[in-house]
């Protein structure tokens, strides 16, 4: 049987083209097709894509700064280029304070695009998420992501030389990751280990880098020149971004985004008047408060939000507004 089979197939084998007679173009085309598919799935390509995405906020900031310096030099170099420094020192702070939103016309366009995207896409997903998941399940998911967020907070406290706060953050991570079962339960708060709120933008502010003009980044939300640069640092301090499996990393990102938006649903009704101005003023005042650890301008929020508002929403709700702003 074996010799017969060999004999029957011999004629067909004779018609196989020799390797030297194959089309070089066809061989190269097939080779590069396989090489392209393999490279697209390689970790090196993924890392390149990540670096490319990381460069977008920097390019945006550079573009805005250069455009502003070209068309509105007073925004970058001062409200009045020829202001006498001695005279300015004798004026009230409010009179020499620069306009916090010189790019309002551009920011409003970005805000409109983001707001409509949120209304028609992200908000319905958040409502469905909040409706389907029981309260304890959504709280468990929130706790898991907050436990991961504590890693960022711990590192930023360390960068700001706040050793006590950083050690508390480390204790929170240790307790919630073990006793709290990977952060499902927030045991650390019940033990008296308070949660802090720090990010890389606050770290830059701690070291004296000014906030710069207000900037609304499409799909990311309220920011400033300083905080836009801080987003790059936040990327590298986010534990989820070091997961090599792309699909898992994307699922976590989507779940965290929807969960954060669902938490912001309960504070939507506090927005009044011009939504853009409300979020802008809230963001600027809160960032000033956080960068200075609440030591300065504490009365600003008290002027905006009265006691009745404070009775309805505690401090954790204010921090949920950070997530609402970013969507």
C-alpha atoms as a PDB file:
ATOM      1  CA  UNK A   1       0.000   0.000   0.000  1.00  0.00           C
ATOM      2  CA  UNK A   2       2.745   2.429   0.789  1.00  0.00           C
ATOM      3  CA  UNK A   3       4.681   1.975  -2.490  1.00  0.00           C
ATOM      4  CA  UNK A   4       1.424   2.272  -4.491  1.00  0.00           C
ATOM      5  CA  UNK A   5       0.498   5.447  -2.733  1.00  0.00           C
ATOM      6  CA  UNK A   6       3.947   6.797  -3.414  1.00  0.00           C
ATOM      7  CA  UNK A   7       3.615   5.832  -7.056  1.00  0.00           C
ATOM      8  CA  UNK A   8       0.227   7.491  -7.464  1.00  0.00           C
ATOM      9  CA  UNK A   9       1.428  10.723  -5.999  1.00  0.00           C
ATOM     10  CA  UNK A  10       4.676  10.778  -7.900  1.00  0.00           C
ATOM     11  CA  UNK A  11       3.216  12.344 -11.015  1.00  0.00           C
ATOM     12  CA  UNK A  12       1.565  15.123  -9.049  1.00  0.00           C
ATOM     13  CA  UNK A  13       4.793  15.818  -7.238  1.00  0.00           C
ATOM     14  CA  UNK A  14       6.544  16.268 -10.519  1.00  0.00           C
ATOM     15  CA  UNK A  15       4.258  19.174 -11.336  1.00  0.00           C
ATOM     16  CA  UNK A  16       5.162  21.091  -8.169  1.00  0.00           C
ATOM     17  CA  UNK A  17       7.194  24.139  -9.152  1.00  0.00           C
ATOM     18  CA  UNK A  18      10.751  24.254  -7.995  1.00  0.00           C
ATOM     19  CA  UNK A  19      11.661  26.703  -5.283  1.00  0.00           C
ATOM     20  CA  UNK A  20      13.821  28.639  -7.673  1.00  0.00           C
ATOM     21  CA  UNK A  21      10.877  29.071 -10.088  1.00  0.00           C
ATOM     22  CA  UNK A  22       8.485  30.547  -7.509  1.00  0.00           C
ATOM     23  CA  UNK A  23       7.592  34.193  -7.977  1.00  0.00           C
ATOM     24  CA  UNK A  24       9.777  36.309  -5.707  1.00  0.00           C
ATOM     25  CA  UNK A  25       6.991  38.867  -5.514  1.00  0.00           C
ATOM     26  CA  UNK A  26       4.443  36.251  -4.380  1.00  0.00           C
ATOM     27  CA  UNK A  27       6.820  34.844  -1.798  1.00  0.00           C
ATOM     28  CA  UNK A  28       7.651  38.275  -0.427  1.00  0.00           C
ATOM     29  CA  UNK A  29       3.997  39.257  -0.368  1.00  0.00           C
ATOM     30  CA  UNK A  30       3.022  36.176   1.633  1.00  0.00           C
ATOM     31  CA  UNK A  31       6.008  36.624   3.928  1.00  0.00           C
ATOM     32  CA  UNK A  32       5.324  40.259   4.691  1.00  0.00           C
ATOM     33  CA  UNK A  33       1.625  39.560   5.197  1.00  0.00           C
ATOM     34  CA  UNK A  34       2.463  36.981   7.873  1.00  0.00           C
ATOM     35  CA  UNK A  35       5.119  39.283   9.308  1.00  0.00           C
ATOM     36  CA  UNK A  36       2.670  42.197   9.484  1.00  0.00           C
ATOM     37  CA  UNK A  37       0.018  40.116  11.270  1.00  0.00           C
ATOM     38  CA  UNK A  38       2.594  38.798  13.711  1.00  0.00           C
ATOM     39  CA  UNK A  39       4.060  42.256  14.372  1.00  0.00           C
ATOM     40  CA  UNK A  40       0.634  43.790  14.951  1.00  0.00           C
ATOM     41  CA  UNK A  41       0.088  41.298  17.755  1.00  0.00           C
ATOM     42  CA  UNK A  42       3.536  41.705  19.241  1.00  0.00           C
ATOM     43  CA  UNK A  43       4.171  43.449  22.524  1.00  0.00           C
ATOM     44  CA  UNK A  44       6.596  45.843  20.861  1.00  0.00           C
ATOM     45  CA  UNK A  45       3.857  47.183  18.603  1.00  0.00           C
ATOM     46  CA  UNK A  46       1.486  47.526  21.543  1.00  0.00           C
ATOM     47  CA  UNK A  47       4.116  49.431  23.475  1.00  0.00           C
ATOM     48  CA  UNK A  48       4.638  51.710  20.463  1.00  0.00           C
ATOM     49  CA  UNK A  49       0.893  52.362  20.276  1.00  0.00           C
ATOM     50  CA  UNK A  50       0.826  53.158  23.985  1.00  0.00           C
ATOM     51  CA  UNK A  51       3.675  55.626  23.599  1.00  0.00           C
ATOM     52  CA  UNK A  52       1.884  57.206  20.627  1.00  0.00           C
ATOM     53  CA  UNK A  53      -1.300  57.659  22.662  1.00  0.00           C
ATOM     54  CA  UNK A  54       0.704  59.114  25.521  1.00  0.00           C
ATOM     55  CA  UNK A  55       2.189  61.721  23.220  1.00  0.00           C
ATOM     56  CA  UNK A  56      -1.227  63.065  22.200  1.00  0.00           C
ATOM     57  CA  UNK A  57      -1.871  65.101  25.393  1.00  0.00           C
ATOM     58  CA  UNK A  58       1.629  66.546  25.185  1.00  0.00           C
ATOM     59  CA  UNK A  59       1.151  67.475  21.536  1.00  0.00           C
ATOM     60  CA  UNK A  60      -2.204  69.046  22.404  1.00  0.00           C
ATOM     61  CA  UNK A  61      -0.676  71.138  25.174  1.00  0.00           C
ATOM     62  CA  UNK A  62       2.215  72.236  22.948  1.00  0.00           C
ATOM     63  CA  UNK A  63      -0.211  73.168  20.161  1.00  0.00           C
ATOM     64  CA  UNK A  64      -2.433  75.202  22.470  1.00  0.00           C
ATOM     65  CA  UNK A  65       0.522  76.957  24.105  1.00  0.00           C
ATOM     66  CA  UNK A  66       2.065  77.914  20.774  1.00  0.00           C
ATOM     67  CA  UNK A  67      -1.246  79.051  19.322  1.00  0.00           C
ATOM     68  CA  UNK A  68      -1.972  81.088  22.425  1.00  0.00           C
ATOM     69  CA  UNK A  69       1.481  82.638  22.431  1.00  0.00           C
ATOM     70  CA  UNK A  70       1.027  83.590  18.785  1.00  0.00           C
ATOM     71  CA  UNK A  71      -2.450  85.078  18.914  1.00  0.00           C
ATOM     72  CA  UNK A  72      -2.788  86.042  22.602  1.00  0.00           C
ATOM     73  CA  UNK A  73       0.698  86.634  24.020  1.00  0.00           C
ATOM     74  CA  UNK A  74      -0.688  88.322  27.137  1.00  0.00           C
ATOM     75  CA  UNK A  75      -2.202  84.997  28.227  1.00  0.00           C
ATOM     76  CA  UNK A  76       1.188  83.282  28.269  1.00  0.00           C
ATOM     77  CA  UNK A  77       3.448  86.115  29.325  1.00  0.00           C
ATOM     78  CA  UNK A  78       1.117  88.023  31.632  1.00  0.00           C
ATOM     79  CA  UNK A  79      -2.089  90.027  31.587  1.00  0.00           C
ATOM     80  CA  UNK A  80      -0.221  93.216  30.711  1.00  0.00           C
ATOM     81  CA  UNK A  81       3.168  92.859  29.092  1.00  0.00           C
ATOM     82  CA  UNK A  82       4.260  96.335  30.187  1.00  0.00           C
ATOM     83  CA  UNK A  83       2.879  96.241  33.724  1.00  0.00           C
ATOM     84  CA  UNK A  84       5.171  97.828  36.297  1.00  0.00           C
ATOM     85  CA  UNK A  85       6.116  95.105  38.783  1.00  0.00           C
ATOM     86  CA  UNK A  86       6.287  97.532  41.713  1.00  0.00           C
ATOM     87  CA  UNK A  87       2.838  98.897  40.974  1.00  0.00           C
ATOM     88  CA  UNK A  88       1.399  95.409  40.654  1.00  0.00           C
ATOM     89  CA  UNK A  89       2.576  94.473  44.146  1.00  0.00           C
ATOM     90  CA  UNK A  90       0.547  97.335  45.618  1.00  0.00           C
ATOM     91  CA  UNK A  91      -2.670  96.250  43.902  1.00  0.00           C
ATOM     92  CA  UNK A  92      -5.216  93.794  45.297  1.00  0.00           C
ATOM     93  CA  UNK A  93      -4.655  90.194  44.232  1.00  0.00           C
ATOM     94  CA  UNK A  94      -7.958  90.069  42.359  1.00  0.00           C
ATOM     95  CA  UNK A  95      -7.018  93.023  40.128  1.00  0.00           C
ATOM     96  CA  UNK A  96      -3.845  91.404  38.789  1.00  0.00           C
ATOM     97  CA  UNK A  97      -5.163  87.867  38.605  1.00  0.00           C
ATOM     98  CA  UNK A  98      -5.169  86.606  35.017  1.00  0.00           C
ATOM     99  CA  UNK A  99      -8.312  85.402  33.312  1.00  0.00           C
ATOM    100  CA  UNK A 100      -8.496  81.674  34.236  1.00  0.00           C
ATOM    101  CA  UNK A 101     -10.265  80.795  30.975  1.00  0.00           C
ATOM    102  CA  UNK A 102      -8.734  82.731  28.054  1.00  0.00           C
ATOM    103  CA  UNK A 103      -9.504  79.810  25.727  1.00  0.00           C
ATOM    104  CA  UNK A 104     -13.227  79.756  26.547  1.00  0.00           C
ATOM    105  CA  UNK A 105     -14.390  79.727  22.929  1.00  0.00           C
ATOM    106  CA  UNK A 106     -12.269  76.645  22.164  1.00  0.00           C
ATOM    107  CA  UNK A 107     -13.080  75.017  25.491  1.00  0.00           C
ATOM    108  CA  UNK A 108     -16.810  75.395  24.922  1.00  0.00           C
ATOM    109  CA  UNK A 109     -16.567  73.506  21.633  1.00  0.00           C
ATOM    110  CA  UNK A 110     -14.679  70.687  23.369  1.00  0.00           C
ATOM    111  CA  UNK A 111     -17.230  70.740  26.175  1.00  0.00           C
ATOM    112  CA  UNK A 112     -20.173  70.541  23.754  1.00  0.00           C
ATOM    113  CA  UNK A 113     -18.668  67.531  21.946  1.00  0.00           C
ATOM    114  CA  UNK A 114     -17.914  65.761  25.232  1.00  0.00           C
ATOM    115  CA  UNK A 115     -21.289  66.587  26.771  1.00  0.00           C
ATOM    116  CA  UNK A 116     -23.228  65.255  23.777  1.00  0.00           C
ATOM    117  CA  UNK A 117     -21.089  62.105  23.669  1.00  0.00           C
ATOM    118  CA  UNK A 118     -21.733  61.595  27.355  1.00  0.00           C
ATOM    119  CA  UNK A 119     -25.483  62.166  27.010  1.00  0.00           C
ATOM    120  CA  UNK A 120     -25.986  59.748  24.114  1.00  0.00           C
ATOM    121  CA  UNK A 121     -23.368  57.081  24.880  1.00  0.00           C
ATOM    122  CA  UNK A 122     -21.765  57.000  28.309  1.00  0.00           C
ATOM    123  CA  UNK A 123     -24.681  58.166  30.453  1.00  0.00           C
ATOM    124  CA  UNK A 124     -27.122  55.495  29.121  1.00  0.00           C
ATOM    125  CA  UNK A 125     -24.462  52.849  29.789  1.00  0.00           C
ATOM    126  CA  UNK A 126     -24.041  54.167  33.333  1.00  0.00           C
ATOM    127  CA  UNK A 127     -27.810  54.134  33.936  1.00  0.00           C
ATOM    128  CA  UNK A 128     -28.069  50.536  32.707  1.00  0.00           C
ATOM    129  CA  UNK A 129     -25.047  49.577  34.816  1.00  0.00           C
ATOM    130  CA  UNK A 130     -26.581  51.162  37.919  1.00  0.00           C
ATOM    131  CA  UNK A 131     -29.956  49.533  37.248  1.00  0.00           C
ATOM    132  CA  UNK A 132     -28.694  45.991  36.604  1.00  0.00           C
ATOM    133  CA  UNK A 133     -26.058  45.690  39.323  1.00  0.00           C
ATOM    134  CA  UNK A 134     -27.175  45.421  42.965  1.00  0.00           C
ATOM    135  CA  UNK A 135     -25.837  48.096  45.281  1.00  0.00           C
ATOM    136  CA  UNK A 136     -23.367  45.803  47.019  1.00  0.00           C
ATOM    137  CA  UNK A 137     -21.963  44.586  43.675  1.00  0.00           C
ATOM    138  CA  UNK A 138     -21.387  48.069  42.280  1.00  0.00           C
ATOM    139  CA  UNK A 139     -19.849  49.129  45.584  1.00  0.00           C
ATOM    140  CA  UNK A 140     -17.497  46.149  45.460  1.00  0.00           C
ATOM    141  CA  UNK A 141     -16.384  47.117  41.937  1.00  0.00           C
ATOM    142  CA  UNK A 142     -15.877  50.703  43.067  1.00  0.00           C
ATOM    143  CA  UNK A 143     -13.802  49.511  46.034  1.00  0.00           C
ATOM    144  CA  UNK A 144     -11.565  47.413  43.772  1.00  0.00           C
ATOM    145  CA  UNK A 145     -10.758  50.357  41.524  1.00  0.00           C
ATOM    146  CA  UNK A 146     -10.303  52.680  44.494  1.00  0.00           C
ATOM    147  CA  UNK A 147      -7.830  50.185  45.953  1.00  0.00           C
ATOM    148  CA  UNK A 148      -5.855  50.384  42.700  1.00  0.00           C
ATOM    149  CA  UNK A 149      -6.176  54.171  42.821  1.00  0.00           C
ATOM    150  CA  UNK A 150      -4.567  54.133  46.271  1.00  0.00           C
ATOM    151  CA  UNK A 151      -1.355  52.980  44.574  1.00  0.00           C
ATOM    152  CA  UNK A 152      -1.281  56.226  42.557  1.00  0.00           C
ATOM    153  CA  UNK A 153      -2.139  58.240  45.644  1.00  0.00           C
ATOM    154  CA  UNK A 154       0.592  56.582  47.696  1.00  0.00           C
ATOM    155  CA  UNK A 155       3.235  57.326  45.044  1.00  0.00           C
ATOM    156  CA  UNK A 156       2.118  60.947  44.631  1.00  0.00           C
ATOM    157  CA  UNK A 157       2.232  61.479  48.402  1.00  0.00           C
ATOM    158  CA  UNK A 158       5.726  60.045  48.336  1.00  0.00           C
ATOM    159  CA  UNK A 159       6.727  62.410  45.515  1.00  0.00           C
ATOM    160  CA  UNK A 160       5.383  65.296  47.620  1.00  0.00           C
ATOM    161  CA  UNK A 161       7.444  64.143  50.634  1.00  0.00           C
ATOM    162  CA  UNK A 162       4.280  63.459  52.633  1.00  0.00           C
ATOM    163  CA  UNK A 163       5.710  60.368  54.280  1.00  0.00           C
ATOM    164  CA  UNK A 164       2.990  59.937  56.890  1.00  0.00           C
ATOM    165  CA  UNK A 165       0.208  60.125  54.310  1.00  0.00           C
ATOM    166  CA  UNK A 166       2.124  57.791  52.005  1.00  0.00           C
ATOM    167  CA  UNK A 167       2.533  55.231  54.801  1.00  0.00           C
ATOM    168  CA  UNK A 168      -1.207  55.419  55.519  1.00  0.00           C
ATOM    169  CA  UNK A 169      -1.892  54.791  51.831  1.00  0.00           C
ATOM    170  CA  UNK A 170       0.447  51.798  51.911  1.00  0.00           C
ATOM    171  CA  UNK A 171      -1.419  50.497  54.951  1.00  0.00           C
ATOM    172  CA  UNK A 172      -4.734  50.920  53.132  1.00  0.00           C
ATOM    173  CA  UNK A 173      -3.444  48.943  50.173  1.00  0.00           C
ATOM    174  CA  UNK A 174      -2.111  46.175  52.388  1.00  0.00           C
ATOM    175  CA  UNK A 175      -5.274  45.860  54.501  1.00  0.00           C
ATOM    176  CA  UNK A 176      -7.773  46.102  51.642  1.00  0.00           C
ATOM    177  CA  UNK A 177      -5.791  43.768  49.392  1.00  0.00           C
ATOM    178  CA  UNK A 178      -5.603  41.035  52.046  1.00  0.00           C
ATOM    179  CA  UNK A 179      -8.382  41.295  54.616  1.00  0.00           C
ATOM    180  CA  UNK A 180     -10.558  43.163  52.125  1.00  0.00           C
ATOM    181  CA  UNK A 181     -10.035  40.424  49.487  1.00  0.00           C
ATOM    182  CA  UNK A 182      -8.291  42.375  46.696  1.00  0.00           C
ATOM    183  CA  UNK A 183     -10.134  45.536  47.649  1.00  0.00           C
ATOM    184  CA  UNK A 184     -13.687  44.194  47.426  1.00  0.00           C
ATOM    185  CA  UNK A 185     -14.280  45.449  50.975  1.00  0.00           C
ATOM    186  CA  UNK A 186     -12.965  48.776  52.236  1.00  0.00           C
ATOM    187  CA  UNK A 187     -11.761  47.489  55.605  1.00  0.00           C
ATOM    188  CA  UNK A 188      -9.055  50.162  55.909  1.00  0.00           C
ATOM    189  CA  UNK A 189     -11.522  53.046  56.222  1.00  0.00           C
ATOM    190  CA  UNK A 190     -13.355  51.233  59.015  1.00  0.00           C
ATOM    191  CA  UNK A 191     -10.016  50.800  60.792  1.00  0.00           C
ATOM    192  CA  UNK A 192      -9.413  54.544  60.675  1.00  0.00           C
ATOM    193  CA  UNK A 193      -6.982  54.656  57.736  1.00  0.00           C
ATOM    194  CA  UNK A 194      -8.328  57.662  55.868  1.00  0.00           C
ATOM    195  CA  UNK A 195      -8.258  57.870  52.094  1.00  0.00           C
ATOM    196  CA  UNK A 196      -6.336  60.726  50.503  1.00  0.00           C
ATOM    197  CA  UNK A 197      -6.841  62.300  47.093  1.00  0.00           C
ATOM    198  CA  UNK A 198      -3.623  63.034  45.231  1.00  0.00           C
ATOM    199  CA  UNK A 199      -2.627  62.907  41.578  1.00  0.00           C
ATOM    200  CA  UNK A 200       0.378  63.854  39.494  1.00  0.00           C
ATOM    201  CA  UNK A 201      -1.100  67.251  38.653  1.00  0.00           C
ATOM    202  CA  UNK A 202      -1.174  68.034  42.378  1.00  0.00           C
ATOM    203  CA  UNK A 203       2.401  66.806  42.634  1.00  0.00           C
ATOM    204  CA  UNK A 204       3.457  69.268  39.938  1.00  0.00           C
ATOM    205  CA  UNK A 205       1.599  72.004  41.812  1.00  0.00           C
ATOM    206  CA  UNK A 206       3.312  71.024  45.058  1.00  0.00           C
ATOM    207  CA  UNK A 207       6.676  71.708  43.432  1.00  0.00           C
ATOM    208  CA  UNK A 208       5.598  75.165  42.319  1.00  0.00           C
ATOM    209  CA  UNK A 209       4.489  74.601  38.732  1.00  0.00           C
ATOM    210  CA  UNK A 210       1.594  77.007  38.020  1.00  0.00           C
ATOM    211  CA  UNK A 211      -1.722  75.651  36.811  1.00  0.00           C
ATOM    212  CA  UNK A 212      -1.894  77.855  33.729  1.00  0.00           C
ATOM    213  CA  UNK A 213      -5.113  78.591  31.823  1.00  0.00           C
ATOM    214  CA  UNK A 214      -8.153  76.358  32.114  1.00  0.00           C
ATOM    215  CA  UNK A 215      -8.303  73.670  29.439  1.00  0.00           C
ATOM    216  CA  UNK A 216     -11.209  71.381  28.580  1.00  0.00           C
ATOM    217  CA  UNK A 217      -9.835  68.267  26.895  1.00  0.00           C
ATOM    218  CA  UNK A 218     -12.321  66.437  24.638  1.00  0.00           C
ATOM    219  CA  UNK A 219     -13.654  63.237  26.263  1.00  0.00           C
ATOM    220  CA  UNK A 220     -11.338  63.699  29.258  1.00  0.00           C
ATOM    221  CA  UNK A 221     -12.971  66.745  30.778  1.00  0.00           C
ATOM    222  CA  UNK A 222     -11.826  69.794  32.773  1.00  0.00           C
ATOM    223  CA  UNK A 223      -8.109  70.300  33.134  1.00  0.00           C
ATOM    224  CA  UNK A 224      -5.388  72.912  32.968  1.00  0.00           C
ATOM    225  CA  UNK A 225      -2.039  73.140  31.229  1.00  0.00           C
ATOM    226  CA  UNK A 226      -0.387  71.659  34.304  1.00  0.00           C
ATOM    227  CA  UNK A 227      -2.953  68.925  34.860  1.00  0.00           C
ATOM    228  CA  UNK A 228      -2.868  67.960  31.169  1.00  0.00           C
ATOM    229  CA  UNK A 229       0.824  67.207  31.557  1.00  0.00           C
ATOM    230  CA  UNK A 230      -0.032  65.443  34.817  1.00  0.00           C
ATOM    231  CA  UNK A 231      -2.221  63.009  32.875  1.00  0.00           C
ATOM    232  CA  UNK A 232       0.916  61.564  31.298  1.00  0.00           C
ATOM    233  CA  UNK A 233       2.409  60.944  34.722  1.00  0.00           C
ATOM    234  CA  UNK A 234      -0.868  59.415  35.893  1.00  0.00           C
ATOM    235  CA  UNK A 235      -0.710  56.952  33.022  1.00  0.00           C
ATOM    236  CA  UNK A 236       2.591  55.555  34.215  1.00  0.00           C
ATOM    237  CA  UNK A 237       1.345  55.402  37.826  1.00  0.00           C
ATOM    238  CA  UNK A 238      -1.785  53.414  36.941  1.00  0.00           C
ATOM    239  CA  UNK A 239      -1.342  49.688  37.754  1.00  0.00           C
ATOM    240  CA  UNK A 240      -3.879  48.571  35.133  1.00  0.00           C
ATOM    241  CA  UNK A 241      -1.730  49.946  32.329  1.00  0.00           C
ATOM    242  CA  UNK A 242       0.950  47.362  33.082  1.00  0.00           C
ATOM    243  CA  UNK A 243      -1.333  44.445  32.212  1.00  0.00           C
ATOM    244  CA  UNK A 244       0.103  42.881  29.051  1.00  0.00           C
ATOM    245  CA  UNK A 245      -3.172  41.335  27.875  1.00  0.00           C
ATOM    246  CA  UNK A 246      -4.746  44.083  25.767  1.00  0.00           C
ATOM    247  CA  UNK A 247      -8.328  42.829  25.938  1.00  0.00           C
ATOM    248  CA  UNK A 248      -8.239  42.500  29.724  1.00  0.00           C
ATOM    249  CA  UNK A 249      -6.735  45.966  30.073  1.00  0.00           C
ATOM    250  CA  UNK A 250      -9.420  47.468  27.818  1.00  0.00           C
ATOM    251  CA  UNK A 251     -12.213  45.697  29.714  1.00  0.00           C
ATOM    252  CA  UNK A 252     -10.916  47.089  32.989  1.00  0.00           C
ATOM    253  CA  UNK A 253     -10.691  50.585  31.523  1.00  0.00           C
ATOM    254  CA  UNK A 254     -14.262  50.439  30.199  1.00  0.00           C
ATOM    255  CA  UNK A 255     -15.628  49.021  33.462  1.00  0.00           C
ATOM    256  CA  UNK A 256     -13.879  51.688  35.521  1.00  0.00           C
ATOM    257  CA  UNK A 257     -15.151  54.455  33.223  1.00  0.00           C
ATOM    258  CA  UNK A 258     -18.768  53.271  33.387  1.00  0.00           C
ATOM    259  CA  UNK A 259     -18.551  52.671  37.143  1.00  0.00           C
ATOM    260  CA  UNK A 260     -17.173  56.190  37.690  1.00  0.00           C
ATOM    261  CA  UNK A 261     -19.924  57.667  35.524  1.00  0.00           C
ATOM    262  CA  UNK A 262     -22.569  55.684  37.404  1.00  0.00           C
ATOM    263  CA  UNK A 263     -21.299  57.128  40.702  1.00  0.00           C
ATOM    264  CA  UNK A 264     -21.644  60.613  39.250  1.00  0.00           C
ATOM    265  CA  UNK A 265     -25.337  60.096  38.475  1.00  0.00           C
ATOM    266  CA  UNK A 266     -26.322  60.988  42.030  1.00  0.00           C
ATOM    267  CA  UNK A 267     -24.710  64.439  41.857  1.00  0.00           C
ATOM    268  CA  UNK A 268     -26.029  65.486  38.451  1.00  0.00           C
ATOM    269  CA  UNK A 269     -28.923  67.397  39.962  1.00  0.00           C
ATOM    270  CA  UNK A 270     -26.594  69.776  41.813  1.00  0.00           C
ATOM    271  CA  UNK A 271     -25.460  71.378  38.540  1.00  0.00           C
ATOM    272  CA  UNK A 272     -27.298  74.642  37.972  1.00  0.00           C
ATOM    273  CA  UNK A 273     -27.086  77.554  35.568  1.00  0.00           C
ATOM    274  CA  UNK A 274     -24.574  77.386  32.744  1.00  0.00           C
ATOM    275  CA  UNK A 275     -23.219  73.835  32.996  1.00  0.00           C
ATOM    276  CA  UNK A 276     -19.900  74.784  31.427  1.00  0.00           C
ATOM    277  CA  UNK A 277     -19.284  77.646  33.873  1.00  0.00           C
ATOM    278  CA  UNK A 278     -20.444  75.568  36.846  1.00  0.00           C
ATOM    279  CA  UNK A 279     -18.031  72.717  36.104  1.00  0.00           C
ATOM    280  CA  UNK A 280     -15.211  75.111  35.251  1.00  0.00           C
ATOM    281  CA  UNK A 281     -15.525  77.086  38.487  1.00  0.00           C
ATOM    282  CA  UNK A 282     -15.979  73.930  40.533  1.00  0.00           C
ATOM    283  CA  UNK A 283     -12.891  72.389  38.964  1.00  0.00           C
ATOM    284  CA  UNK A 284     -10.668  75.467  39.397  1.00  0.00           C
ATOM    285  CA  UNK A 285     -11.694  75.995  43.022  1.00  0.00           C
ATOM    286  CA  UNK A 286     -11.412  72.342  43.936  1.00  0.00           C
ATOM    287  CA  UNK A 287      -8.010  71.946  42.299  1.00  0.00           C
ATOM    288  CA  UNK A 288      -6.763  74.999  44.181  1.00  0.00           C
ATOM    289  CA  UNK A 289      -8.133  73.487  47.374  1.00  0.00           C
ATOM    290  CA  UNK A 290      -6.496  70.084  46.742  1.00  0.00           C
ATOM    291  CA  UNK A 291      -3.095  71.435  45.688  1.00  0.00           C
ATOM    292  CA  UNK A 292      -2.947  73.513  48.857  1.00  0.00           C
ATOM    293  CA  UNK A 293      -4.312  70.648  50.992  1.00  0.00           C
ATOM    294  CA  UNK A 294      -7.277  72.778  52.016  1.00  0.00           C
ATOM    295  CA  UNK A 295      -5.106  75.367  53.777  1.00  0.00           C
ATOM    296  CA  UNK A 296      -6.018  78.209  51.435  1.00  0.00           C
ATOM    297  CA  UNK A 297      -9.185  79.483  49.828  1.00  0.00           C
ATOM    298  CA  UNK A 298     -11.309  77.220  51.980  1.00  0.00           C
ATOM    299  CA  UNK A 299     -14.075  79.823  51.925  1.00  0.00           C
ATOM    300  CA  UNK A 300     -14.433  79.587  48.131  1.00  0.00           C
ATOM    301  CA  UNK A 301     -16.380  76.353  48.226  1.00  0.00           C
ATOM    302  CA  UNK A 302     -18.378  77.575  51.210  1.00  0.00           C
ATOM    303  CA  UNK A 303     -19.498  80.573  49.165  1.00  0.00           C
ATOM    304  CA  UNK A 304     -20.653  78.355  46.304  1.00  0.00           C
ATOM    305  CA  UNK A 305     -22.220  75.504  48.264  1.00  0.00           C
ATOM    306  CA  UNK A 306     -24.353  76.324  51.290  1.00  0.00           C
ATOM    307  CA  UNK A 307     -25.094  74.239  54.381  1.00  0.00           C
ATOM    308  CA  UNK A 308     -28.166  72.682  52.843  1.00  0.00           C
ATOM    309  CA  UNK A 309     -26.049  71.317  50.003  1.00  0.00           C
ATOM    310  CA  UNK A 310     -23.498  69.967  52.482  1.00  0.00           C
ATOM    311  CA  UNK A 311     -26.232  68.120  54.346  1.00  0.00           C
ATOM    312  CA  UNK A 312     -27.244  66.258  51.201  1.00  0.00           C
ATOM    313  CA  UNK A 313     -23.784  65.361  49.923  1.00  0.00           C
ATOM    314  CA  UNK A 314     -20.739  64.392  51.920  1.00  0.00           C
ATOM    315  CA  UNK A 315     -17.088  64.741  50.975  1.00  0.00           C
ATOM    316  CA  UNK A 316     -17.040  61.461  49.066  1.00  0.00           C
ATOM    317  CA  UNK A 317     -19.696  62.848  46.741  1.00  0.00           C
ATOM    318  CA  UNK A 318     -17.477  65.823  45.965  1.00  0.00           C
ATOM    319  CA  UNK A 319     -14.698  63.444  45.055  1.00  0.00           C
ATOM    320  CA  UNK A 320     -17.102  61.555  42.804  1.00  0.00           C
ATOM    321  CA  UNK A 321     -17.510  64.841  40.940  1.00  0.00           C
ATOM    322  CA  UNK A 322     -13.911  64.420  39.779  1.00  0.00           C
ATOM    323  CA  UNK A 323     -15.020  61.378  37.850  1.00  0.00           C
ATOM    324  CA  UNK A 324     -18.072  63.231  36.530  1.00  0.00           C
ATOM    325  CA  UNK A 325     -15.875  66.059  35.264  1.00  0.00           C
ATOM    326  CA  UNK A 326     -13.526  63.769  33.399  1.00  0.00           C
ATOM    327  CA  UNK A 327     -16.165  62.119  31.266  1.00  0.00           C
END
